[in-house]
Amino acid sequence: MVDLGVERIIGVEKNNNKIAVEIKSFTSDSTIHAYYEALGQYIFYSDLLDFKESNRKLYLAIPEDAYKRLQKNDLIKLSLD
């Protein structure tokens, strides 16, 4: 696996389904800023995976408390869904 400089990325394969999970810790003082940064990295890594492993789907994992805070913002909630 190529190290993409993320906090942690996990690759899993089961029954020909391949996924990668990027895990973000959201340690920044600003949840919104951390989300924008994570989203930008997610898009970049997704493009890289499309090039390197087009059959692997990328997911972004964030802490539950950060997710709940982000759900309070209607515009961000749309992008989370």
N, C-alpha and C. Protein backbone atom coordinates (compact mmCIF):
# COMPACT_ATOMS: atom_id res chain seq x y z
N MET A 1 0.83 -1.18 0.00
CA MET A 1 0.00 0.00 0.00
C MET A 1 0.88 1.24 0.00
N VAL A 2 0.49 2.21 -0.77
CA VAL A 2 1.21 3.47 -0.84
C VAL A 2 0.82 4.32 0.36
N ASP A 3 1.80 4.91 1.03
CA ASP A 3 1.52 5.81 2.14
C ASP A 3 1.13 7.16 1.56
N LEU A 4 -0.10 7.55 1.77
CA LEU A 4 -0.60 8.80 1.22
C LEU A 4 -0.48 9.95 2.21
N GLY A 5 0.14 9.71 3.36
CA GLY A 5 0.32 10.76 4.35
C GLY A 5 -0.92 11.02 5.18
N VAL A 6 -1.81 10.07 5.28
CA VAL A 6 -2.99 10.24 6.11
C VAL A 6 -2.68 9.79 7.52
N GLU A 7 -3.57 10.12 8.44
CA GLU A 7 -3.36 9.70 9.82
C GLU A 7 -3.35 8.17 9.89
N ARG A 8 -4.28 7.57 9.22
CA ARG A 8 -4.30 6.12 9.16
C ARG A 8 -5.23 5.71 8.02
N ILE A 9 -4.80 4.73 7.25
CA ILE A 9 -5.65 4.23 6.18
C ILE A 9 -5.62 2.71 6.25
N ILE A 10 -6.77 2.10 6.15
CA ILE A 10 -6.89 0.66 6.26
C ILE A 10 -7.47 0.12 4.96
N GLY A 11 -6.86 -0.91 4.41
CA GLY A 11 -7.39 -1.56 3.22
C GLY A 11 -7.93 -2.92 3.60
N VAL A 12 -9.10 -3.24 3.11
CA VAL A 12 -9.76 -4.50 3.44
C VAL A 12 -10.32 -5.11 2.17
N GLU A 13 -10.26 -6.43 2.10
CA GLU A 13 -10.86 -7.14 0.97
C GLU A 13 -11.64 -8.33 1.51
N LYS A 14 -12.89 -8.47 1.06
CA LYS A 14 -13.73 -9.60 1.46
C LYS A 14 -14.69 -9.89 0.32
N ASN A 15 -14.71 -11.11 -0.12
CA ASN A 15 -15.61 -11.53 -1.20
C ASN A 15 -15.52 -10.62 -2.42
N ASN A 16 -14.29 -10.32 -2.85
CA ASN A 16 -14.02 -9.46 -4.01
C ASN A 16 -14.46 -8.01 -3.83
N ASN A 17 -14.88 -7.62 -2.64
CA ASN A 17 -15.19 -6.22 -2.36
C ASN A 17 -13.98 -5.61 -1.68
N LYS A 18 -13.43 -4.55 -2.26
CA LYS A 18 -12.25 -3.89 -1.72
C LYS A 18 -12.61 -2.49 -1.26
N ILE A 19 -12.21 -2.18 -0.04
CA ILE A 19 -12.42 -0.83 0.47
C ILE A 19 -11.14 -0.32 1.11
N ALA A 20 -11.06 0.98 1.24
CA ALA A 20 -10.01 1.63 2.01
C ALA A 20 -10.72 2.61 2.92
N VAL A 21 -10.28 2.67 4.17
CA VAL A 21 -10.89 3.58 5.13
C VAL A 21 -9.82 4.53 5.63
N GLU A 22 -10.04 5.81 5.41
CA GLU A 22 -9.14 6.84 5.93
C GLU A 22 -9.72 7.28 7.26
N ILE A 23 -8.91 7.20 8.31
CA ILE A 23 -9.36 7.55 9.65
C ILE A 23 -8.78 8.90 10.04
N LYS A 24 -9.64 9.84 10.37
CA LYS A 24 -9.22 11.17 10.79
C LYS A 24 -9.59 11.38 12.25
N SER A 25 -8.72 12.07 12.99
CA SER A 25 -8.94 12.23 14.43
C SER A 25 -9.68 13.50 14.82
N PHE A 26 -9.70 14.52 13.95
CA PHE A 26 -10.38 15.79 14.23
C PHE A 26 -9.89 16.40 15.53
N THR A 27 -8.58 16.58 15.67
CA THR A 27 -7.99 17.16 16.87
C THR A 27 -7.90 18.68 16.81
N SER A 28 -8.23 19.27 15.68
CA SER A 28 -8.19 20.72 15.52
C SER A 28 -9.23 21.39 16.42
N ASP A 29 -8.98 22.63 16.78
CA ASP A 29 -9.94 23.39 17.59
C ASP A 29 -11.23 23.66 16.81
N SER A 30 -11.14 23.72 15.50
CA SER A 30 -12.30 24.00 14.66
C SER A 30 -12.75 22.73 13.93
N THR A 31 -13.92 22.25 14.30
CA THR A 31 -14.47 21.05 13.65
C THR A 31 -14.70 21.31 12.17
N ILE A 32 -15.20 22.51 11.84
CA ILE A 32 -15.47 22.85 10.44
C ILE A 32 -14.17 22.84 9.63
N HIS A 33 -13.14 23.46 10.16
CA HIS A 33 -11.84 23.49 9.47
C HIS A 33 -11.30 22.07 9.29
N ALA A 34 -11.39 21.26 10.33
CA ALA A 34 -10.91 19.88 10.23
C ALA A 34 -11.71 19.11 9.18
N TYR A 35 -13.01 19.40 9.09
CA TYR A 35 -13.84 18.73 8.08
C TYR A 35 -13.44 19.15 6.67
N TYR A 36 -13.25 20.45 6.46
CA TYR A 36 -12.82 20.91 5.13
C TYR A 36 -11.50 20.26 4.73
N GLU A 37 -10.58 20.19 5.67
CA GLU A 37 -9.28 19.58 5.39
C GLU A 37 -9.45 18.09 5.08
N ALA A 38 -10.23 17.39 5.88
CA ALA A 38 -10.46 15.96 5.67
C ALA A 38 -11.16 15.71 4.34
N LEU A 39 -12.14 16.56 4.01
CA LEU A 39 -12.87 16.39 2.75
C LEU A 39 -11.95 16.59 1.55
N GLY A 40 -11.10 17.61 1.62
CA GLY A 40 -10.15 17.84 0.54
C GLY A 40 -9.20 16.67 0.37
N GLN A 41 -8.69 16.15 1.48
CA GLN A 41 -7.81 14.99 1.41
C GLN A 41 -8.56 13.78 0.87
N TYR A 42 -9.80 13.60 1.31
CA TYR A 42 -10.60 12.48 0.84
C TYR A 42 -10.74 12.52 -0.68
N ILE A 43 -11.06 13.69 -1.21
CA ILE A 43 -11.21 13.83 -2.67
C ILE A 43 -9.90 13.51 -3.38
N PHE A 44 -8.80 14.04 -2.85
CA PHE A 44 -7.48 13.79 -3.44
C PHE A 44 -7.13 12.30 -3.39
N TYR A 45 -7.31 11.67 -2.23
CA TYR A 45 -6.97 10.24 -2.10
C TYR A 45 -7.89 9.37 -2.94
N SER A 46 -9.15 9.79 -3.06
CA SER A 46 -10.09 9.04 -3.89
C SER A 46 -9.64 9.06 -5.35
N ASP A 47 -9.18 10.22 -5.81
CA ASP A 47 -8.66 10.32 -7.18
C ASP A 47 -7.43 9.43 -7.36
N LEU A 48 -6.54 9.43 -6.34
CA LEU A 48 -5.35 8.57 -6.42
C LEU A 48 -5.73 7.10 -6.47
N LEU A 49 -6.68 6.71 -5.63
CA LEU A 49 -7.11 5.31 -5.64
C LEU A 49 -7.76 4.94 -6.97
N ASP A 50 -8.51 5.86 -7.55
CA ASP A 50 -9.10 5.60 -8.87
C ASP A 50 -8.01 5.29 -9.89
N PHE A 51 -6.88 5.96 -9.75
CA PHE A 51 -5.75 5.74 -10.66
C PHE A 51 -5.01 4.45 -10.33
N LYS A 52 -4.74 4.20 -9.03
CA LYS A 52 -3.92 3.06 -8.61
C LYS A 52 -4.73 1.77 -8.42
N GLU A 53 -5.92 1.89 -7.83
CA GLU A 53 -6.75 0.72 -7.52
C GLU A 53 -8.21 1.08 -7.77
N SER A 54 -8.58 1.12 -9.02
CA SER A 54 -9.91 1.61 -9.39
C SER A 54 -11.05 0.75 -8.84
N ASN A 55 -10.73 -0.45 -8.37
CA ASN A 55 -11.76 -1.33 -7.84
C ASN A 55 -11.91 -1.21 -6.32
N ARG A 56 -11.23 -0.26 -5.69
CA ARG A 56 -11.30 -0.08 -4.25
C ARG A 56 -12.09 1.19 -3.93
N LYS A 57 -13.09 1.08 -3.05
CA LYS A 57 -13.92 2.22 -2.66
C LYS A 57 -13.36 2.82 -1.37
N LEU A 58 -13.27 4.15 -1.34
CA LEU A 58 -12.70 4.86 -0.20
C LEU A 58 -13.80 5.40 0.70
N TYR A 59 -13.63 5.22 2.00
CA TYR A 59 -14.52 5.76 3.02
C TYR A 59 -13.71 6.64 3.95
N LEU A 60 -14.37 7.63 4.54
CA LEU A 60 -13.75 8.52 5.50
C LEU A 60 -14.38 8.27 6.86
N ALA A 61 -13.57 7.92 7.84
CA ALA A 61 -14.07 7.69 9.21
C ALA A 61 -13.68 8.88 10.08
N ILE A 62 -14.69 9.40 10.81
CA ILE A 62 -14.44 10.51 11.72
C ILE A 62 -15.05 10.16 13.08
N PRO A 63 -14.57 10.82 14.14
CA PRO A 63 -15.13 10.54 15.46
C PRO A 63 -16.62 10.88 15.53
N GLU A 64 -17.34 10.12 16.32
CA GLU A 64 -18.79 10.31 16.43
C GLU A 64 -19.15 11.71 16.94
N ASP A 65 -18.39 12.23 17.90
CA ASP A 65 -18.71 13.56 18.42
C ASP A 65 -18.53 14.64 17.35
N ALA A 66 -17.51 14.51 16.51
CA ALA A 66 -17.31 15.45 15.41
C ALA A 66 -18.45 15.32 14.41
N TYR A 67 -18.87 14.10 14.11
CA TYR A 67 -19.99 13.88 13.19
C TYR A 67 -21.25 14.56 13.70
N LYS A 68 -21.52 14.43 14.99
CA LYS A 68 -22.72 15.04 15.57
C LYS A 68 -22.66 16.57 15.49
N ARG A 69 -21.47 17.15 15.74
CA ARG A 69 -21.33 18.60 15.62
C ARG A 69 -21.53 19.04 14.17
N LEU A 70 -21.00 18.29 13.22
CA LEU A 70 -21.14 18.64 11.81
C LEU A 70 -22.58 18.51 11.34
N GLN A 71 -23.34 17.60 11.91
CA GLN A 71 -24.74 17.40 11.54
C GLN A 71 -25.60 18.63 11.85
N LYS A 72 -25.12 19.51 12.71
CA LYS A 72 -25.87 20.70 13.08
C LYS A 72 -25.80 21.79 12.00
N ASN A 73 -24.89 21.64 11.04
CA ASN A 73 -24.74 22.60 9.95
C ASN A 73 -25.39 22.01 8.70
N ASP A 74 -26.47 22.63 8.23
CA ASP A 74 -27.25 22.06 7.12
C ASP A 74 -26.44 21.84 5.86
N LEU A 75 -25.55 22.78 5.51
CA LEU A 75 -24.76 22.64 4.28
C LEU A 75 -23.76 21.49 4.41
N ILE A 76 -23.12 21.38 5.55
CA ILE A 76 -22.18 20.29 5.74
C ILE A 76 -22.92 18.96 5.83
N LYS A 77 -24.06 18.96 6.45
CA LYS A 77 -24.87 17.73 6.54
C LYS A 77 -25.14 17.16 5.15
N LEU A 78 -25.42 18.04 4.17
CA LEU A 78 -25.64 17.56 2.80
C LEU A 78 -24.42 16.83 2.25
N SER A 79 -23.24 17.36 2.51
CA SER A 79 -22.03 16.71 1.97
C SER A 79 -21.69 15.44 2.73
N LEU A 80 -22.08 15.35 4.01
CA LEU A 80 -21.84 14.13 4.77
C LEU A 80 -22.68 12.98 4.24
N ASP A 81 -23.90 13.30 3.84
CA ASP A 81 -24.79 12.26 3.33
C ASP A 81 -24.30 11.76 2.00
